[in-house]
């Protein structure tokens, strides 16, 4: 029996590629989609694929009138929390691909998911190489006491740091707090040059043409360094396989879980 899925952000950069991936999957049925711009027409009209006949709605509230097993949130931080909470109220499990949500948002989502007995899997990045970056960085943080994080993205990305780096810093901070040889308050010159502090880690966000999305953790010991880096190109294809896996596995969870490795055997 196939899983019924509702996809919010179905005509966007990542959402459209995911919609095509679901259409090609025998065990998934895309029953509703959300795109304000393309509401009232089949999703295939927006994606250039007449075989995709999924109806498109202007809002998540309208789309959720169609029963679904899994709701996928791929829209915008301003609407993501409300969409997720609405889906949980309707009894759906939720996969969150939208970046920019904060700890307070996730706390509210976790409480709602546990109240309804549903799972929420939030991934700052569904690319399998990004999942491994986070996992390997967690492992290294148990052994190496000093590190900093660099967040790479295209010039127009408004949120800093990215969802991937938020997740990365949070997960590393659970292992330990990195050591700073010079406390931030003792910095001479421009304090901001030391970056922002997130979950104990110093984070430096680069926003320039030529980058798409990437993240790097740099660890240091006397006379040696370790760099773990993930880079993504201009296509949304790297995110599809991980997102499909999340959709298939989220029903095995209860409450909020952050990171695709929550359903991987790593």
Protein backbone atom coordinates (compact mmCIF):
# COMPACT_ATOMS: atom_id res chain seq x y z
CA UNK A 1 0.00 0.00 0.00
CA UNK A 2 1.42 3.38 -0.99
CA UNK A 3 2.01 6.29 1.36
CA UNK A 4 -0.14 9.33 0.63
CA UNK A 5 1.93 12.51 0.63
CA UNK A 6 1.12 16.24 0.61
CA UNK A 7 3.98 18.46 -0.56
CA UNK A 8 4.11 22.16 0.35
CA UNK A 9 6.45 24.11 -1.93
CA UNK A 10 5.93 21.65 -4.76
CA UNK A 11 6.84 24.11 -7.53
CA UNK A 12 9.97 25.44 -5.85
CA UNK A 13 13.60 24.66 -6.61
CA UNK A 14 13.88 21.66 -4.27
CA UNK A 15 10.19 20.81 -4.07
CA UNK A 16 9.75 20.39 -7.83
CA UNK A 17 12.61 17.89 -8.04
CA UNK A 18 11.19 16.01 -5.06
CA UNK A 19 7.75 15.93 -6.69
CA UNK A 20 9.28 14.30 -9.76
CA UNK A 21 11.04 11.79 -7.53
CA UNK A 22 7.78 10.90 -5.79
CA UNK A 23 5.98 10.57 -9.11
CA UNK A 24 8.56 7.97 -10.14
CA UNK A 25 8.21 6.00 -6.87
CA UNK A 26 5.74 3.12 -6.85
CA UNK A 27 5.28 3.22 -3.06
CA UNK A 28 4.45 6.95 -2.79
CA UNK A 29 1.32 8.78 -3.95
CA UNK A 30 1.45 12.58 -4.16
CA UNK A 31 -2.18 13.40 -3.35
CA UNK A 32 -1.95 17.19 -2.85
CA UNK A 33 0.51 20.00 -3.45
CA UNK A 34 0.85 23.58 -2.24
CA UNK A 35 1.93 26.45 -4.50
CA UNK A 36 0.19 29.80 -4.33
CA UNK A 37 1.30 30.72 -7.84
CA UNK A 38 0.03 27.52 -9.47
CA UNK A 39 -3.10 26.89 -7.40
CA UNK A 40 -6.09 25.49 -9.27
CA UNK A 41 -4.17 23.50 -11.87
CA UNK A 42 -2.49 20.08 -11.93
CA UNK A 43 1.06 20.10 -10.62
CA UNK A 44 2.29 18.71 -13.94
CA UNK A 45 1.38 21.99 -15.63
CA UNK A 46 3.91 23.78 -13.42
CA UNK A 47 6.57 21.09 -13.76
CA UNK A 48 6.18 20.42 -17.49
CA UNK A 49 5.09 16.83 -16.93
CA UNK A 50 1.49 16.08 -17.90
CA UNK A 51 1.66 12.71 -16.17
CA UNK A 52 1.67 14.43 -12.73
CA UNK A 53 -2.01 15.20 -12.13
CA UNK A 54 -1.76 16.09 -8.42
CA UNK A 55 -4.08 19.03 -7.58
CA UNK A 56 -2.38 22.23 -6.40
CA UNK A 57 -3.79 24.40 -3.61
CA UNK A 58 -2.93 27.93 -2.52
CA UNK A 59 -2.36 27.05 1.14
CA UNK A 60 -1.44 24.12 3.34
CA UNK A 61 -4.79 24.43 5.13
CA UNK A 62 -6.63 23.82 1.84
CA UNK A 63 -4.32 21.00 0.75
CA UNK A 64 -4.65 19.21 4.08
CA UNK A 65 -8.37 18.76 3.48
CA UNK A 66 -7.14 15.84 1.36
CA UNK A 67 -6.10 13.10 3.83
CA UNK A 68 -2.40 12.24 3.77
CA UNK A 69 0.02 10.06 5.71
CA UNK A 70 2.99 12.42 5.41
CA UNK A 71 3.14 16.19 4.97
CA UNK A 72 6.37 17.58 3.51
CA UNK A 73 7.21 21.20 4.35
CA UNK A 74 9.40 22.88 1.74
CA UNK A 75 8.18 26.49 1.74
CA UNK A 76 9.48 29.44 3.78
CA UNK A 77 10.42 30.02 7.44
CA UNK A 78 7.59 32.55 7.82
CA UNK A 79 4.92 29.92 7.09
CA UNK A 80 6.69 26.65 7.92
CA UNK A 81 5.77 26.40 11.61
CA UNK A 82 2.08 27.06 11.00
CA UNK A 83 2.05 24.53 8.15
CA UNK A 84 3.70 21.84 10.29
CA UNK A 85 1.35 22.41 13.22
CA UNK A 86 -1.67 22.27 10.91
CA UNK A 87 -0.47 18.97 9.44
CA UNK A 88 0.02 17.47 12.91
CA UNK A 89 -3.50 18.58 13.85
CA UNK A 90 -4.74 16.65 10.80
CA UNK A 91 -2.93 13.50 12.00
CA UNK A 92 -0.08 13.49 9.46
CA UNK A 93 3.55 12.75 10.11
CA UNK A 94 5.81 15.59 8.90
CA UNK A 95 9.11 15.94 7.06
CA UNK A 96 10.62 19.45 7.27
CA UNK A 97 13.05 20.60 4.60
CA UNK A 98 12.60 24.33 5.15
CA UNK A 99 15.60 26.05 6.74
CA UNK A 100 15.53 29.04 9.06
CA UNK A 101 13.36 27.66 11.87
CA UNK A 102 14.66 28.37 15.37
CA UNK A 103 14.81 26.42 18.62
CA UNK A 104 11.53 27.92 19.85
CA UNK A 105 9.80 26.82 16.65
CA UNK A 106 11.13 23.30 17.04
CA UNK A 107 10.17 23.15 20.72
CA UNK A 108 6.57 24.00 19.83
CA UNK A 109 6.58 21.48 16.97
CA UNK A 110 7.98 18.75 19.23
CA UNK A 111 5.30 19.35 21.85
CA UNK A 112 2.55 19.17 19.22
CA UNK A 113 4.00 16.03 17.61
CA UNK A 114 4.14 14.22 20.96
CA UNK A 115 0.65 15.35 21.84
CA UNK A 116 -0.68 13.84 18.60
CA UNK A 117 1.60 10.78 18.66
CA UNK A 118 3.22 11.68 15.34
CA UNK A 119 6.78 11.93 14.08
CA UNK A 120 8.50 15.00 12.69
CA UNK A 121 11.84 14.63 10.91
CA UNK A 122 13.53 17.99 10.32
CA UNK A 123 16.60 18.05 8.10
CA UNK A 124 18.62 21.15 7.36
CA UNK A 125 19.95 19.27 4.37
CA UNK A 126 18.77 15.99 2.83
CA UNK A 127 21.96 15.43 0.80
CA UNK A 128 23.62 12.25 2.00
CA UNK A 129 27.06 13.90 1.99
CA UNK A 130 25.70 16.63 4.29
CA UNK A 131 24.31 13.97 6.62
CA UNK A 132 27.75 12.39 6.79
CA UNK A 133 29.40 15.80 7.37
CA UNK A 134 27.26 16.25 10.47
CA UNK A 135 27.77 12.71 11.72
CA UNK A 136 31.54 12.74 11.19
CA UNK A 137 31.83 16.19 12.80
CA UNK A 138 29.96 14.92 15.85
CA UNK A 139 32.40 12.02 16.08
CA UNK A 140 35.42 14.32 15.77
CA UNK A 141 34.06 16.73 18.39
CA UNK A 142 34.22 13.94 20.97
CA UNK A 143 38.00 13.79 20.49
CA UNK A 144 39.15 17.18 19.20
CA UNK A 145 38.49 20.14 21.55
CA UNK A 146 38.76 23.10 19.13
CA UNK A 147 36.84 23.85 15.94
CA UNK A 148 35.06 26.52 13.92
CA UNK A 149 32.40 26.27 11.22
CA UNK A 150 32.20 27.96 7.82
CA UNK A 151 28.80 28.29 6.15
CA UNK A 152 28.89 28.74 2.34
CA UNK A 153 25.91 29.88 0.26
CA UNK A 154 24.87 31.91 -2.77
CA UNK A 155 24.87 35.70 -2.49
CA UNK A 156 21.10 36.01 -2.21
CA UNK A 157 20.51 33.55 0.63
CA UNK A 158 18.78 35.63 3.33
CA UNK A 159 19.16 33.38 6.38
CA UNK A 160 22.51 33.04 8.13
CA UNK A 161 23.57 30.58 9.19
CA UNK A 162 21.86 28.01 6.99
CA UNK A 163 19.65 25.27 8.34
CA UNK A 164 22.44 22.78 7.71
CA UNK A 165 24.89 24.75 9.84
CA UNK A 166 22.33 25.35 12.58
CA UNK A 167 21.84 21.61 12.81
CA UNK A 168 25.59 20.98 12.62
CA UNK A 169 26.42 23.41 15.43
CA UNK A 170 23.61 22.13 17.63
CA UNK A 171 24.69 18.51 17.24
CA UNK A 172 28.35 19.28 17.89
CA UNK A 173 27.45 21.39 20.91
CA UNK A 174 25.78 18.37 22.46
CA UNK A 175 29.12 16.58 22.43
CA UNK A 176 31.09 19.37 24.11
CA UNK A 177 31.72 23.11 23.99
CA UNK A 178 34.78 24.02 21.91
CA UNK A 179 37.75 25.63 23.61
CA UNK A 180 38.66 29.24 22.72
CA UNK A 181 42.28 30.18 23.38
CA UNK A 182 41.29 33.86 23.48
CA UNK A 183 37.86 34.55 25.01
CA UNK A 184 35.63 36.52 22.66
CA UNK A 185 35.38 39.46 25.04
CA UNK A 186 39.19 39.79 24.94
CA UNK A 187 39.29 40.06 21.13
CA UNK A 188 41.29 43.07 19.96
CA UNK A 189 40.11 44.95 16.91
CA UNK A 190 36.81 43.98 15.29
CA UNK A 191 34.93 41.52 17.51
CA UNK A 192 32.56 40.59 14.66
CA UNK A 193 35.50 39.17 12.72
CA UNK A 194 35.37 36.16 15.05
CA UNK A 195 31.96 35.26 13.66
CA UNK A 196 28.72 34.50 15.46
CA UNK A 197 28.35 32.03 18.31
CA UNK A 198 25.83 29.24 17.78
CA UNK A 199 25.48 26.42 20.33
CA UNK A 200 29.02 27.26 21.46
CA UNK A 201 30.60 27.13 17.98
CA UNK A 202 32.02 30.11 16.12
CA UNK A 203 30.24 30.29 12.76
CA UNK A 204 31.36 32.32 9.74
CA UNK A 205 28.76 32.77 6.96
CA UNK A 206 30.04 33.37 3.41
CA UNK A 207 27.45 34.70 0.93
CA UNK A 208 28.97 35.10 -2.52
CA UNK A 209 28.27 34.33 -6.19
CA UNK A 210 29.84 31.05 -7.20
CA UNK A 211 28.64 29.15 -4.15
CA UNK A 212 25.36 27.26 -3.94
CA UNK A 213 25.28 25.55 -0.55
CA UNK A 214 28.06 24.09 1.55
CA UNK A 215 29.42 23.72 5.04
CA UNK A 216 32.85 23.03 6.51
CA UNK A 217 34.02 22.13 9.99
CA UNK A 218 37.67 22.86 10.73
CA UNK A 219 39.29 21.20 13.75
CA UNK A 220 42.68 22.18 15.10
CA UNK A 221 45.37 20.64 17.28
CA UNK A 222 49.00 21.76 17.57
CA UNK A 223 50.67 21.25 14.17
CA UNK A 224 47.62 19.55 12.64
CA UNK A 225 44.16 20.34 11.32
CA UNK A 226 41.18 18.34 10.12
CA UNK A 227 38.68 19.75 7.62
CA UNK A 228 35.33 18.06 6.86
CA UNK A 229 33.45 19.74 4.03
CA UNK A 230 30.24 19.21 2.08
CA UNK A 231 29.49 21.06 -1.17
CA UNK A 232 26.34 20.97 -3.30
CA UNK A 233 26.05 22.09 -6.90
CA UNK A 234 23.31 24.01 -8.69
CA UNK A 235 20.86 21.11 -9.03
CA UNK A 236 18.34 19.99 -6.41
CA UNK A 237 18.96 16.36 -7.30
CA UNK A 238 21.29 15.68 -4.30
CA UNK A 239 18.38 16.26 -1.91
CA UNK A 240 15.85 13.89 -3.45
CA UNK A 241 17.11 10.49 -2.28
CA UNK A 242 17.43 11.66 1.33
CA UNK A 243 14.00 13.31 1.28
CA UNK A 244 12.36 10.17 -0.11
CA UNK A 245 14.01 8.13 2.63
CA UNK A 246 12.72 10.58 5.24
CA UNK A 247 9.17 10.32 3.88
CA UNK A 248 9.29 6.53 4.05
CA UNK A 249 10.74 6.42 7.57
CA UNK A 250 9.16 9.34 9.48
CA UNK A 251 6.19 7.24 10.62
CA UNK A 252 8.59 5.13 12.72
CA UNK A 253 9.27 8.18 14.93
CA UNK A 254 7.38 10.00 17.66
CA UNK A 255 8.11 13.65 18.41
CA UNK A 256 10.67 15.86 16.71
CA UNK A 257 13.93 14.41 15.42
CA UNK A 258 16.55 16.55 13.73
CA UNK A 259 18.86 15.06 11.12
CA UNK A 260 18.38 12.33 8.56
CA UNK A 261 20.68 10.02 10.49
CA UNK A 262 17.78 9.58 12.95
CA UNK A 263 16.48 6.99 10.46
CA UNK A 264 19.83 5.74 9.16
CA UNK A 265 21.91 2.96 10.65
CA UNK A 266 25.10 4.93 11.24
